[in-house]
Amino acid sequence: MTRRGALLAGLAAPRLGRAQEAFPNRPLRLVLPFGPGGVSDTLARLIAEQARPLLGQSVVIDPRPGSNGVIATEHVARAARDGYTVGYMAYGSLVTGPALGQALNYRIEDFQLLTAIFRAAQVLAVARDVPARSLAELVALSRDRPVAYGTVGRGGPGHILMEMLAGETGGRFENAVYRTEATVVQDMLGGAIPGFMGSLMPALEQHRAGGIRILAISTARRIAALPEVPSFAELGVPALTFLYCHGLAVPAGTPAPVVARLHAAFAAAIASEAVTARMTPDMVPDVTSPEAFTASIARETAALAAVIKTRGITAG
């Protein structure tokens, strides 16, 4: 290196260090894969609010709903690698889409994962007039005639868990796809569909009112909000122990010091009482290191891909 080159390099290094130390020096964006309303939207906004004083900059919410989260996820994958665009990553974008082999314009390698936000369970419920008061009775009923159940999509967690239940027990179940889980529950009340596999909250109120019956939950053990409902593991089907997750990510190639700063701020925000107090009874806060989060997503994607192949599940 020439003397002039060495001098320029020496001058540039402190500037680079100061630039990294100054991060962030302008507002950040948190890109959401859903529109306003719902528990996840509320949590995302609270996380942004709690992260603001920790980062010294505002975190602007940028909703980009559509295509089951693909629009938002692709936007984050193409964003500048400077840490100013953070993606809220739903389970479908992180795991089920890649496991299904969908034609996506991104790969998980396009992201630097930061941390999980929470993990949450799925519940299996039946309408009040279904002559099954236990999982065993439902399986027996389905062997005589397939039982229809509603989920919010083929290839989603609810559909995959029901396919696993069929494989583990010999039961026969037929998936009916709905736009929202709340609509499934309403149709159960009206007698249009007998079953549901999905999130707890759309079903909890009607379960407590006696309009539907939750037969099992995918947590490892019973939860305080549903002490009368056994886990699948307790009922002899441990393969259905399952908690889906949401998390945060930035584009791959974001500088390591920036990743570390973002992880520290968002991890503290997620763990704050303001955020955890708004989580639903089936949610468990799940702050992780980037390395642990990346490893868990890889394991879950491989495991789901194996189930999908065995059961012949498609997203279509």
C-alpha atoms as a PDB file:
ATOM      1  CA  MET A   1       0.000   0.000   0.000  1.00  0.00           C
ATOM      2  CA  THR A   2       1.312   3.474  -0.846  1.00  0.00           C
ATOM      3  CA  ARG A   3       1.836   6.063   1.889  1.00  0.00           C
ATOM      4  CA  ARG A   4      -1.131   8.063   0.540  1.00  0.00           C
ATOM      5  CA  GLY A   5      -3.327   4.919   0.507  1.00  0.00           C
ATOM      6  CA  ALA A   6      -2.388   4.094   4.068  1.00  0.00           C
ATOM      7  CA  LEU A   7      -3.196   7.638   5.129  1.00  0.00           C
ATOM      8  CA  LEU A   8      -6.617   7.501   3.443  1.00  0.00           C
ATOM      9  CA  ALA A   9      -7.359   4.126   5.022  1.00  0.00           C
ATOM     10  CA  GLY A  10      -6.395   5.463   8.410  1.00  0.00           C
ATOM     11  CA  LEU A  11      -8.713   8.427   7.967  1.00  0.00           C
ATOM     12  CA  ALA A  12     -11.586   6.254   6.746  1.00  0.00           C
ATOM     13  CA  ALA A  13     -11.460   3.744   9.606  1.00  0.00           C
ATOM     14  CA  PRO A  14     -12.463   6.189  12.349  1.00  0.00           C
ATOM     15  CA  ARG A  15     -15.270   7.515  10.130  1.00  0.00           C
ATOM     16  CA  LEU A  16     -16.596   3.980   9.632  1.00  0.00           C
ATOM     17  CA  GLY A  17     -16.378   3.314  13.352  1.00  0.00           C
ATOM     18  CA  ARG A  18     -18.204   6.553  14.164  1.00  0.00           C
ATOM     19  CA  ALA A  19     -20.916   5.714  11.600  1.00  0.00           C
ATOM     20  CA  GLN A  20     -21.480   2.309  13.168  1.00  0.00           C
ATOM     21  CA  GLU A  21     -21.454   3.761  16.684  1.00  0.00           C
ATOM     22  CA  ALA A  22     -24.032   6.340  15.619  1.00  0.00           C
ATOM     23  CA  PHE A  23     -26.561   3.730  14.496  1.00  0.00           C
ATOM     24  CA  PRO A  24     -29.374   4.496  14.385  1.00  0.00           C
ATOM     25  CA  ASN A  25     -29.325   8.155  13.400  1.00  0.00           C
ATOM     26  CA  ARG A  26     -32.778   8.221  11.785  1.00  0.00           C
ATOM     27  CA  PRO A  27     -36.123   6.444  12.264  1.00  0.00           C
ATOM     28  CA  LEU A  28     -36.421   2.710  11.570  1.00  0.00           C
ATOM     29  CA  ARG A  29     -39.272   0.857   9.853  1.00  0.00           C
ATOM     30  CA  LEU A  30     -40.956  -2.255  11.203  1.00  0.00           C
ATOM     31  CA  VAL A  31     -42.594  -3.969   8.222  1.00  0.00           C
ATOM     32  CA  LEU A  32     -45.713  -5.963   9.140  1.00  0.00           C
ATOM     33  CA  PRO A  33     -47.234  -8.764   7.034  1.00  0.00           C
ATOM     34  CA  PHE A  34     -50.760  -7.902   8.190  1.00  0.00           C
ATOM     35  CA  GLY A  35     -53.071  -4.917   8.411  1.00  0.00           C
ATOM     36  CA  PRO A  36     -54.303  -3.099  11.530  1.00  0.00           C
ATOM     37  CA  GLY A  37     -56.182  -5.059  14.181  1.00  0.00           C
ATOM     38  CA  GLY A  38     -55.534  -8.384  15.861  1.00  0.00           C
ATOM     39  CA  VAL A  39     -53.191  -9.507  18.596  1.00  0.00           C
ATOM     40  CA  SER A  40     -50.023  -9.664  16.470  1.00  0.00           C
ATOM     41  CA  ASP A  41     -50.558  -6.125  15.175  1.00  0.00           C
ATOM     42  CA  THR A  42     -51.032  -4.867  18.739  1.00  0.00           C
ATOM     43  CA  LEU A  43     -47.873  -6.631  19.894  1.00  0.00           C
ATOM     44  CA  ALA A  44     -45.842  -5.268  16.975  1.00  0.00           C
ATOM     45  CA  ARG A  45     -46.888  -1.715  17.781  1.00  0.00           C
ATOM     46  CA  LEU A  46     -46.091  -2.154  21.458  1.00  0.00           C
ATOM     47  CA  ILE A  47     -42.681  -3.619  20.607  1.00  0.00           C
ATOM     48  CA  ALA A  48     -41.960  -0.617  18.369  1.00  0.00           C
ATOM     49  CA  GLU A  49     -43.008   1.741  21.157  1.00  0.00           C
ATOM     50  CA  GLN A  50     -40.848  -0.004  23.754  1.00  0.00           C
ATOM     51  CA  ALA A  51     -37.828  -0.137  21.413  1.00  0.00           C
ATOM     52  CA  ARG A  52     -37.911   3.601  20.668  1.00  0.00           C
ATOM     53  CA  PRO A  53     -36.191   4.840  23.851  1.00  0.00           C
ATOM     54  CA  LEU A  54     -33.698   1.984  23.706  1.00  0.00           C
ATOM     55  CA  LEU A  55     -32.664   2.880  20.161  1.00  0.00           C
ATOM     56  CA  GLY A  56     -32.998   6.627  20.544  1.00  0.00           C
ATOM     57  CA  GLN A  57     -35.098   6.726  17.373  1.00  0.00           C
ATOM     58  CA  SER A  58     -38.719   6.101  16.505  1.00  0.00           C
ATOM     59  CA  VAL A  59     -39.745   2.790  14.933  1.00  0.00           C
ATOM     60  CA  VAL A  60     -42.363   3.487  12.270  1.00  0.00           C
ATOM     61  CA  ILE A  61     -44.945   0.782  11.566  1.00  0.00           C
ATOM     62  CA  ASP A  62     -45.130  -0.116   7.865  1.00  0.00           C
ATOM     63  CA  PRO A  63     -48.020  -2.545   7.166  1.00  0.00           C
ATOM     64  CA  ARG A  64     -47.732  -4.463   3.890  1.00  0.00           C
ATOM     65  CA  PRO A  65     -50.459  -7.127   4.049  1.00  0.00           C
ATOM     66  CA  GLY A  66     -51.278  -9.607   1.324  1.00  0.00           C
ATOM     67  CA  SER A  67     -50.398 -13.014  -0.121  1.00  0.00           C
ATOM     68  CA  ASN A  68     -50.149 -14.632   3.334  1.00  0.00           C
ATOM     69  CA  GLY A  69     -47.249 -12.405   4.325  1.00  0.00           C
ATOM     70  CA  VAL A  70     -45.235 -12.891   1.133  1.00  0.00           C
ATOM     71  CA  ILE A  71     -45.460  -9.216   0.064  1.00  0.00           C
ATOM     72  CA  ALA A  72     -43.978  -7.928   3.317  1.00  0.00           C
ATOM     73  CA  THR A  73     -41.357 -10.674   3.520  1.00  0.00           C
ATOM     74  CA  GLU A  74     -40.137 -10.076  -0.031  1.00  0.00           C
ATOM     75  CA  HIS A  75     -39.930  -6.341   0.685  1.00  0.00           C
ATOM     76  CA  VAL A  76     -37.674  -6.955   3.684  1.00  0.00           C
ATOM     77  CA  ALA A  77     -35.472  -9.361   1.700  1.00  0.00           C
ATOM     78  CA  ARG A  78     -34.853  -6.632  -0.914  1.00  0.00           C
ATOM     79  CA  ALA A  79     -34.324  -3.793   1.587  1.00  0.00           C
ATOM     80  CA  ALA A  80     -30.988  -2.074   2.175  1.00  0.00           C
ATOM     81  CA  ARG A  81     -28.650  -3.980   4.497  1.00  0.00           C
ATOM     82  CA  ASP A  82     -28.291  -1.084   6.901  1.00  0.00           C
ATOM     83  CA  GLY A  83     -30.550  -2.099   9.795  1.00  0.00           C
ATOM     84  CA  TYR A  84     -33.195   0.535   9.157  1.00  0.00           C
ATOM     85  CA  THR A  85     -35.738  -1.987   7.811  1.00  0.00           C
ATOM     86  CA  VAL A  86     -36.813  -4.668  10.275  1.00  0.00           C
ATOM     87  CA  GLY A  87     -39.287  -7.351   9.270  1.00  0.00           C
ATOM     88  CA  TYR A  88     -41.958  -8.890  11.464  1.00  0.00           C
ATOM     89  CA  MET A  89     -41.797 -12.509  10.330  1.00  0.00           C
ATOM     90  CA  ALA A  90     -44.880 -14.717  10.622  1.00  0.00           C
ATOM     91  CA  TYR A  91     -44.634 -18.514  10.828  1.00  0.00           C
ATOM     92  CA  GLY A  92     -45.968 -18.979   7.309  1.00  0.00           C
ATOM     93  CA  SER A  93     -43.155 -16.874   5.862  1.00  0.00           C
ATOM     94  CA  LEU A  94     -40.458 -18.396   8.052  1.00  0.00           C
ATOM     95  CA  VAL A  95     -41.372 -22.071   8.038  1.00  0.00           C
ATOM     96  CA  THR A  96     -44.481 -23.369   6.301  1.00  0.00           C
ATOM     97  CA  GLY A  97     -43.940 -21.607   2.965  1.00  0.00           C
ATOM     98  CA  PRO A  98     -40.368 -22.894   2.567  1.00  0.00           C
ATOM     99  CA  ALA A  99     -41.344 -26.346   3.920  1.00  0.00           C
ATOM    100  CA  LEU A 100     -44.100 -26.598   1.309  1.00  0.00           C
ATOM    101  CA  GLY A 101     -41.591 -25.781  -1.426  1.00  0.00           C
ATOM    102  CA  GLN A 102     -43.648 -22.812  -2.574  1.00  0.00           C
ATOM    103  CA  ALA A 103     -42.275 -20.677  -5.403  1.00  0.00           C
ATOM    104  CA  LEU A 104     -41.110 -17.725  -3.310  1.00  0.00           C
ATOM    105  CA  ASN A 105     -38.937 -14.811  -4.350  1.00  0.00           C
ATOM    106  CA  TYR A 106     -36.877 -15.163  -1.197  1.00  0.00           C
ATOM    107  CA  ARG A 107     -35.005 -17.825   0.767  1.00  0.00           C
ATOM    108  CA  ILE A 108     -34.476 -17.994   4.507  1.00  0.00           C
ATOM    109  CA  GLU A 109     -30.800 -17.326   3.739  1.00  0.00           C
ATOM    110  CA  ASP A 110     -31.851 -13.856   2.556  1.00  0.00           C
ATOM    111  CA  PHE A 111     -32.462 -12.859   6.174  1.00  0.00           C
ATOM    112  CA  GLN A 112     -30.493 -12.290   9.327  1.00  0.00           C
ATOM    113  CA  LEU A 113     -32.879 -13.480  12.020  1.00  0.00           C
ATOM    114  CA  LEU A 114     -32.826 -11.407  15.208  1.00  0.00           C
ATOM    115  CA  THR A 115     -35.092 -13.079  17.755  1.00  0.00           C
ATOM    116  CA  ALA A 116     -38.377 -14.865  18.166  1.00  0.00           C
ATOM    117  CA  ILE A 117     -41.187 -12.828  19.722  1.00  0.00           C
ATOM    118  CA  PHE A 118     -43.479 -15.512  21.064  1.00  0.00           C
ATOM    119  CA  ARG A 119     -44.571 -19.079  20.603  1.00  0.00           C
ATOM    120  CA  ALA A 120     -48.219 -20.060  20.662  1.00  0.00           C
ATOM    121  CA  ALA A 121     -50.361 -23.169  20.536  1.00  0.00           C
ATOM    122  CA  GLN A 122     -53.116 -24.529  18.346  1.00  0.00           C
ATOM    123  CA  VAL A 123     -56.358 -26.015  19.665  1.00  0.00           C
ATOM    124  CA  LEU A 124     -58.700 -28.662  18.294  1.00  0.00           C
ATOM    125  CA  ALA A 125     -62.380 -27.866  18.844  1.00  0.00           C
ATOM    126  CA  VAL A 126     -65.719 -29.316  17.787  1.00  0.00           C
ATOM    127  CA  ALA A 127     -69.207 -27.892  17.541  1.00  0.00           C
ATOM    128  CA  ARG A 128     -71.582 -28.467  20.424  1.00  0.00           C
ATOM    129  CA  ASP A 129     -73.730 -30.966  18.500  1.00  0.00           C
ATOM    130  CA  VAL A 130     -70.812 -33.204  17.478  1.00  0.00           C
ATOM    131  CA  PRO A 131     -71.185 -36.490  19.399  1.00  0.00           C
ATOM    132  CA  ALA A 132     -67.585 -36.498  20.625  1.00  0.00           C
ATOM    133  CA  ARG A 133     -66.550 -35.222  24.038  1.00  0.00           C
ATOM    134  CA  SER A 134     -62.936 -36.352  23.797  1.00  0.00           C
ATOM    135  CA  LEU A 135     -60.188 -36.718  21.233  1.00  0.00           C
ATOM    136  CA  ALA A 136     -60.573 -40.493  21.270  1.00  0.00           C
ATOM    137  CA  GLU A 137     -64.292 -40.207  20.545  1.00  0.00           C
ATOM    138  CA  LEU A 138     -63.654 -37.769  17.688  1.00  0.00           C
ATOM    139  CA  VAL A 139     -61.092 -40.092  16.105  1.00  0.00           C
ATOM    140  CA  ALA A 140     -63.501 -43.039  16.417  1.00  0.00           C
ATOM    141  CA  LEU A 141     -66.285 -40.958  14.859  1.00  0.00           C
ATOM    142  CA  SER A 142     -64.032 -39.958  11.947  1.00  0.00           C
ATOM    143  CA  ARG A 143     -63.197 -43.561  11.108  1.00  0.00           C
ATOM    144  CA  ASP A 144     -66.836 -44.142  10.194  1.00  0.00           C
ATOM    145  CA  ARG A 145     -67.176 -40.887   8.267  1.00  0.00           C
ATOM    146  CA  PRO A 146     -64.537 -38.173   7.651  1.00  0.00           C
ATOM    147  CA  VAL A 147     -64.966 -35.146   9.922  1.00  0.00           C
ATOM    148  CA  ALA A 148     -64.611 -31.736   8.274  1.00  0.00           C
ATOM    149  CA  TYR A 149     -62.674 -29.017  10.075  1.00  0.00           C
ATOM    150  CA  GLY A 150     -61.866 -25.397   9.264  1.00  0.00           C
ATOM    151  CA  THR A 151     -58.459 -23.734   9.069  1.00  0.00           C
ATOM    152  CA  VAL A 152     -57.175 -20.548   7.476  1.00  0.00           C
ATOM    153  CA  GLY A 153     -55.190 -22.294   4.773  1.00  0.00           C
ATOM    154  CA  ARG A 154     -53.864 -25.445   3.218  1.00  0.00           C
ATOM    155  CA  GLY A 155     -50.363 -26.121   4.409  1.00  0.00           C
ATOM    156  CA  GLY A 156     -50.741 -23.932   7.488  1.00  0.00           C
ATOM    157  CA  PRO A 157     -50.114 -25.131  11.061  1.00  0.00           C
ATOM    158  CA  GLY A 158     -53.736 -26.190  11.609  1.00  0.00           C
ATOM    159  CA  HIS A 159     -53.862 -28.248   8.428  1.00  0.00           C
ATOM    160  CA  ILE A 160     -50.495 -29.878   9.062  1.00  0.00           C
ATOM    161  CA  LEU A 161     -51.393 -30.786  12.648  1.00  0.00           C
ATOM    162  CA  MET A 162     -54.638 -32.414  11.524  1.00  0.00           C
ATOM    163  CA  GLU A 163     -52.760 -34.407   8.907  1.00  0.00           C
ATOM    164  CA  MET A 164     -50.368 -35.506  11.636  1.00  0.00           C
ATOM    165  CA  LEU A 165     -53.324 -36.466  13.832  1.00  0.00           C
ATOM    166  CA  ALA A 166     -54.723 -38.580  11.008  1.00  0.00           C
ATOM    167  CA  GLY A 167     -51.364 -40.281  10.536  1.00  0.00           C
ATOM    168  CA  GLU A 168     -50.902 -40.951  14.251  1.00  0.00           C
ATOM    169  CA  THR A 169     -54.425 -42.231  14.974  1.00  0.00           C
ATOM    170  CA  GLY A 170     -55.905 -43.494  11.723  1.00  0.00           C
ATOM    171  CA  GLY A 171     -58.613 -40.838  11.904  1.00  0.00           C
ATOM    172  CA  ARG A 172     -60.059 -39.286   8.748  1.00  0.00           C
ATOM    173  CA  PHE A 173     -60.416 -35.522   8.504  1.00  0.00           C
ATOM    174  CA  GLU A 174     -61.177 -33.087   5.673  1.00  0.00           C
ATOM    175  CA  ASN A 175     -59.821 -29.555   5.609  1.00  0.00           C
ATOM    176  CA  ALA A 176     -62.112 -26.661   4.694  1.00  0.00           C
ATOM    177  CA  VAL A 177     -60.246 -23.409   4.040  1.00  0.00           C
ATOM    178  CA  TYR A 178     -61.581 -20.142   5.490  1.00  0.00           C
ATOM    179  CA  ARG A 179     -60.376 -16.564   5.290  1.00  0.00           C
ATOM    180  CA  THR A 180     -60.417 -16.056   9.080  1.00  0.00           C
ATOM    181  CA  GLU A 181     -60.515 -18.277  12.145  1.00  0.00           C
ATOM    182  CA  ALA A 182     -63.358 -16.230  13.598  1.00  0.00           C
ATOM    183  CA  THR A 183     -65.494 -17.231  10.609  1.00  0.00           C
ATOM    184  CA  VAL A 184     -64.798 -20.908  11.259  1.00  0.00           C
ATOM    185  CA  VAL A 185     -66.041 -20.529  14.832  1.00  0.00           C
ATOM    186  CA  GLN A 186     -69.164 -18.703  13.665  1.00  0.00           C
ATOM    187  CA  ASP A 187     -69.902 -21.496  11.192  1.00  0.00           C
ATOM    188  CA  MET A 188     -69.450 -24.046  13.960  1.00  0.00           C
ATOM    189  CA  LEU A 189     -72.078 -22.229  16.005  1.00  0.00           C
ATOM    190  CA  GLY A 190     -74.388 -22.273  12.991  1.00  0.00           C
ATOM    191  CA  GLY A 191     -73.847 -25.963  12.317  1.00  0.00           C
ATOM    192  CA  ALA A 192     -72.082 -25.438   8.980  1.00  0.00           C
ATOM    193  CA  ILE A 193     -68.851 -27.211   9.969  1.00  0.00           C
ATOM    194  CA  PRO A 194     -68.120 -29.602  12.855  1.00  0.00           C
ATOM    195  CA  GLY A 195     -64.456 -28.953  13.615  1.00  0.00           C
ATOM    196  CA  PHE A 196     -61.692 -26.369  13.967  1.00  0.00           C
ATOM    197  CA  MET A 197     -57.918 -26.452  14.357  1.00  0.00           C
ATOM    198  CA  GLY A 198     -56.325 -23.076  14.951  1.00  0.00           C
ATOM    199  CA  SER A 199     -55.482 -20.344  17.434  1.00  0.00           C
ATOM    200  CA  LEU A 200     -56.954 -20.338  20.902  1.00  0.00           C
ATOM    201  CA  MET A 201     -58.423 -16.850  21.115  1.00  0.00           C
ATOM    202  CA  PRO A 202     -61.101 -17.125  18.394  1.00  0.00           C
ATOM    203  CA  ALA A 203     -62.412 -20.261  20.143  1.00  0.00           C
ATOM    204  CA  LEU A 204     -61.910 -19.467  23.829  1.00  0.00           C
ATOM    205  CA  GLU A 205     -65.015 -17.349  24.490  1.00  0.00           C
ATOM    206  CA  GLN A 206     -67.384 -19.795  22.787  1.00  0.00           C
ATOM    207  CA  HIS A 207     -65.737 -22.720  24.557  1.00  0.00           C
ATOM    208  CA  ARG A 208     -66.366 -21.059  27.913  1.00  0.00           C
ATOM    209  CA  ALA A 209     -69.954 -20.252  26.873  1.00  0.00           C
ATOM    210  CA  GLY A 210     -70.606 -23.855  25.824  1.00  0.00           C
ATOM    211  CA  GLY A 211     -71.097 -23.083  22.138  1.00  0.00           C
ATOM    212  CA  ILE A 212     -68.150 -25.268  21.115  1.00  0.00           C
ATOM    213  CA  ARG A 213     -65.828 -27.700  22.899  1.00  0.00           C
ATOM    214  CA  ILE A 214     -62.042 -27.518  22.837  1.00  0.00           C
ATOM    215  CA  LEU A 215     -60.822 -31.108  23.010  1.00  0.00           C
ATOM    216  CA  ALA A 216     -57.042 -30.686  23.052  1.00  0.00           C
ATOM    217  CA  ILE A 217     -54.244 -28.125  22.926  1.00  0.00           C
ATOM    218  CA  SER A 218     -50.804 -28.462  21.336  1.00  0.00           C
ATOM    219  CA  THR A 219     -48.805 -27.263  24.349  1.00  0.00           C
ATOM    220  CA  ALA A 220     -46.684 -29.823  26.200  1.00  0.00           C
ATOM    221  CA  ARG A 221     -49.041 -29.648  29.189  1.00  0.00           C
ATOM    222  CA  ARG A 222     -52.293 -27.985  30.208  1.00  0.00           C
ATOM    223  CA  ILE A 223     -52.362 -24.195  30.455  1.00  0.00           C
ATOM    224  CA  ALA A 224     -53.849 -22.062  33.231  1.00  0.00           C
ATOM    225  CA  ALA A 225     -56.484 -20.503  30.965  1.00  0.00           C
ATOM    226  CA  LEU A 226     -57.833 -23.975  30.042  1.00  0.00           C
ATOM    227  CA  PRO A 227     -57.219 -26.252  33.026  1.00  0.00           C
ATOM    228  CA  GLU A 228     -59.937 -28.634  31.866  1.00  0.00           C
ATOM    229  CA  VAL A 229     -58.433 -29.179  28.401  1.00  0.00           C
ATOM    230  CA  PRO A 230     -55.708 -31.832  28.054  1.00  0.00           C
ATOM    231  CA  SER A 231     -52.675 -31.538  25.807  1.00  0.00           C
ATOM    232  CA  PHE A 232     -52.265 -33.868  22.846  1.00  0.00           C
ATOM    233  CA  ALA A 233     -49.240 -35.332  24.645  1.00  0.00           C
ATOM    234  CA  GLU A 234     -51.376 -36.149  27.669  1.00  0.00           C
ATOM    235  CA  LEU A 235     -53.820 -37.906  25.335  1.00  0.00           C
ATOM    236  CA  GLY A 236     -51.104 -40.132  23.895  1.00  0.00           C
ATOM    237  CA  VAL A 237     -50.257 -38.126  20.769  1.00  0.00           C
ATOM    238  CA  PRO A 238     -46.989 -36.353  21.703  1.00  0.00           C
ATOM    239  CA  ALA A 239     -46.130 -35.802  18.022  1.00  0.00           C
ATOM    240  CA  LEU A 240     -48.723 -33.013  18.018  1.00  0.00           C
ATOM    241  CA  THR A 241     -46.875 -30.984  20.641  1.00  0.00           C
ATOM    242  CA  PHE A 242     -46.343 -27.818  18.655  1.00  0.00           C
ATOM    243  CA  LEU A 243     -45.850 -24.091  19.181  1.00  0.00           C
ATOM    244  CA  TYR A 244     -45.655 -21.793  16.184  1.00  0.00           C
ATOM    245  CA  CYS A 245     -43.612 -18.611  16.414  1.00  0.00           C
ATOM    246  CA  HIS A 246     -43.364 -15.088  15.118  1.00  0.00           C
ATOM    247  CA  GLY A 247     -40.069 -13.232  15.026  1.00  0.00           C
ATOM    248  CA  LEU A 248     -37.981 -10.337  13.752  1.00  0.00           C
ATOM    249  CA  ALA A 249     -35.370 -10.211  10.986  1.00  0.00           C
ATOM    250  CA  VAL A 250     -33.295  -7.867   8.861  1.00  0.00           C
ATOM    251  CA  PRO A 251     -31.773  -8.476   5.424  1.00  0.00           C
ATOM    252  CA  ALA A 252     -28.784 -10.822   5.364  1.00  0.00           C
ATOM    253  CA  GLY A 253     -25.513  -8.925   5.239  1.00  0.00           C
ATOM    254  CA  THR A 254     -26.550  -6.303   7.776  1.00  0.00           C
ATOM    255  CA  PRO A 255     -23.353  -5.362   9.693  1.00  0.00           C
ATOM    256  CA  ALA A 256     -22.787  -7.397  12.862  1.00  0.00           C
ATOM    257  CA  PRO A 257     -22.610  -4.358  15.213  1.00  0.00           C
ATOM    258  CA  VAL A 258     -25.968  -3.186  13.860  1.00  0.00           C
ATOM    259  CA  VAL A 259     -27.473  -6.655  14.325  1.00  0.00           C
ATOM    260  CA  ALA A 260     -26.209  -6.717  17.904  1.00  0.00           C
ATOM    261  CA  ARG A 261     -27.698  -3.274  18.641  1.00  0.00           C
ATOM    262  CA  LEU A 262     -31.061  -4.234  17.137  1.00  0.00           C
ATOM    263  CA  HIS A 263     -31.149  -7.563  18.959  1.00  0.00           C
ATOM    264  CA  ALA A 264     -30.445  -5.947  22.316  1.00  0.00           C
ATOM    265  CA  ALA A 265     -33.135  -3.283  21.872  1.00  0.00           C
ATOM    266  CA  PHE A 266     -35.864  -5.512  20.474  1.00  0.00           C
ATOM    267  CA  ALA A 267     -35.151  -8.347  22.911  1.00  0.00           C
ATOM    268  CA  ALA A 268     -35.606  -5.927  25.809  1.00  0.00           C
ATOM    269  CA  ALA A 269     -38.759  -4.521  24.214  1.00  0.00           C
ATOM    270  CA  ILE A 270     -40.302  -7.988  23.769  1.00  0.00           C
ATOM    271  CA  ALA A 271     -39.476  -8.938  27.374  1.00  0.00           C
ATOM    272  CA  SER A 272     -41.009  -5.729  28.765  1.00  0.00           C
ATOM    273  CA  GLU A 273     -44.148  -5.964  30.870  1.00  0.00           C
ATOM    274  CA  ALA A 274     -45.971  -3.670  28.444  1.00  0.00           C
ATOM    275  CA  VAL A 275     -45.601  -6.309  25.716  1.00  0.00           C
ATOM    276  CA  THR A 276     -45.880  -9.561  27.657  1.00  0.00           C
ATOM    277  CA  ALA A 277     -49.013  -8.330  29.455  1.00  0.00           C
ATOM    278  CA  ARG A 278     -50.806  -8.105  26.103  1.00  0.00           C
ATOM    279  CA  MET A 279     -49.937 -11.632  24.995  1.00  0.00           C
ATOM    280  CA  THR A 280     -52.822 -14.103  24.898  1.00  0.00           C
ATOM    281  CA  PRO A 281     -53.013 -17.015  27.395  1.00  0.00           C
ATOM    282  CA  ASP A 282     -51.565 -19.504  24.887  1.00  0.00           C
ATOM    283  CA  MET A 283     -48.554 -17.316  24.051  1.00  0.00           C
ATOM    284  CA  VAL A 284     -45.135 -17.690  25.654  1.00  0.00           C
ATOM    285  CA  PRO A 285     -42.561 -14.879  25.248  1.00  0.00           C
ATOM    286  CA  ASP A 286     -39.575 -16.335  23.420  1.00  0.00           C
ATOM    287  CA  VAL A 287     -36.584 -14.004  23.287  1.00  0.00           C
ATOM    288  CA  THR A 288     -33.700 -15.855  21.658  1.00  0.00           C
ATOM    289  CA  SER A 289     -30.251 -15.160  20.268  1.00  0.00           C
ATOM    290  CA  PRO A 290     -29.997 -14.796  16.488  1.00  0.00           C
ATOM    291  CA  GLU A 291     -28.061 -18.066  16.327  1.00  0.00           C
ATOM    292  CA  ALA A 292     -30.604 -20.034  18.393  1.00  0.00           C
ATOM    293  CA  PHE A 293     -33.529 -18.602  16.434  1.00  0.00           C
ATOM    294  CA  THR A 294     -31.895 -19.470  13.107  1.00  0.00           C
ATOM    295  CA  ALA A 295     -31.164 -23.034  14.246  1.00  0.00           C
ATOM    296  CA  SER A 296     -34.714 -23.596  15.523  1.00  0.00           C
ATOM    297  CA  ILE A 297     -36.259 -22.346  12.276  1.00  0.00           C
ATOM    298  CA  ALA A 298     -34.019 -24.687  10.271  1.00  0.00           C
ATOM    299  CA  ARG A 299     -35.023 -27.671  12.441  1.00  0.00           C
ATOM    300  CA  GLU A 300     -38.737 -26.872  12.269  1.00  0.00           C
ATOM    301  CA  THR A 301     -38.673 -26.342   8.511  1.00  0.00           C
ATOM    302  CA  ALA A 302     -36.986 -29.729   7.967  1.00  0.00           C
ATOM    303  CA  ALA A 303     -39.418 -31.489  10.327  1.00  0.00           C
ATOM    304  CA  LEU A 304     -42.491 -29.949   8.658  1.00  0.00           C
ATOM    305  CA  ALA A 305     -41.133 -30.696   5.196  1.00  0.00           C
ATOM    306  CA  ALA A 306     -40.898 -34.381   6.173  1.00  0.00           C
ATOM    307  CA  VAL A 307     -44.533 -34.417   7.371  1.00  0.00           C
ATOM    308  CA  ILE A 308     -45.670 -32.578   4.250  1.00  0.00           C
ATOM    309  CA  LYS A 309     -43.935 -35.118   2.011  1.00  0.00           C
ATOM    310  CA  THR A 310     -45.282 -38.113   3.946  1.00  0.00           C
ATOM    311  CA  ARG A 311     -48.870 -36.861   3.966  1.00  0.00           C
ATOM    312  CA  GLY A 312     -48.813 -35.407   0.448  1.00  0.00           C
ATOM    313  CA  ILE A 313     -49.810 -31.928   1.665  1.00  0.00           C
ATOM    314  CA  THR A 314     -49.918 -29.092  -0.851  1.00  0.00           C
ATOM    315  CA  ALA A 315     -50.674 -25.405  -0.521  1.00  0.00           C
ATOM    316  CA  GLY A 316     -53.086 -25.425  -3.442  1.00  0.00           C
END
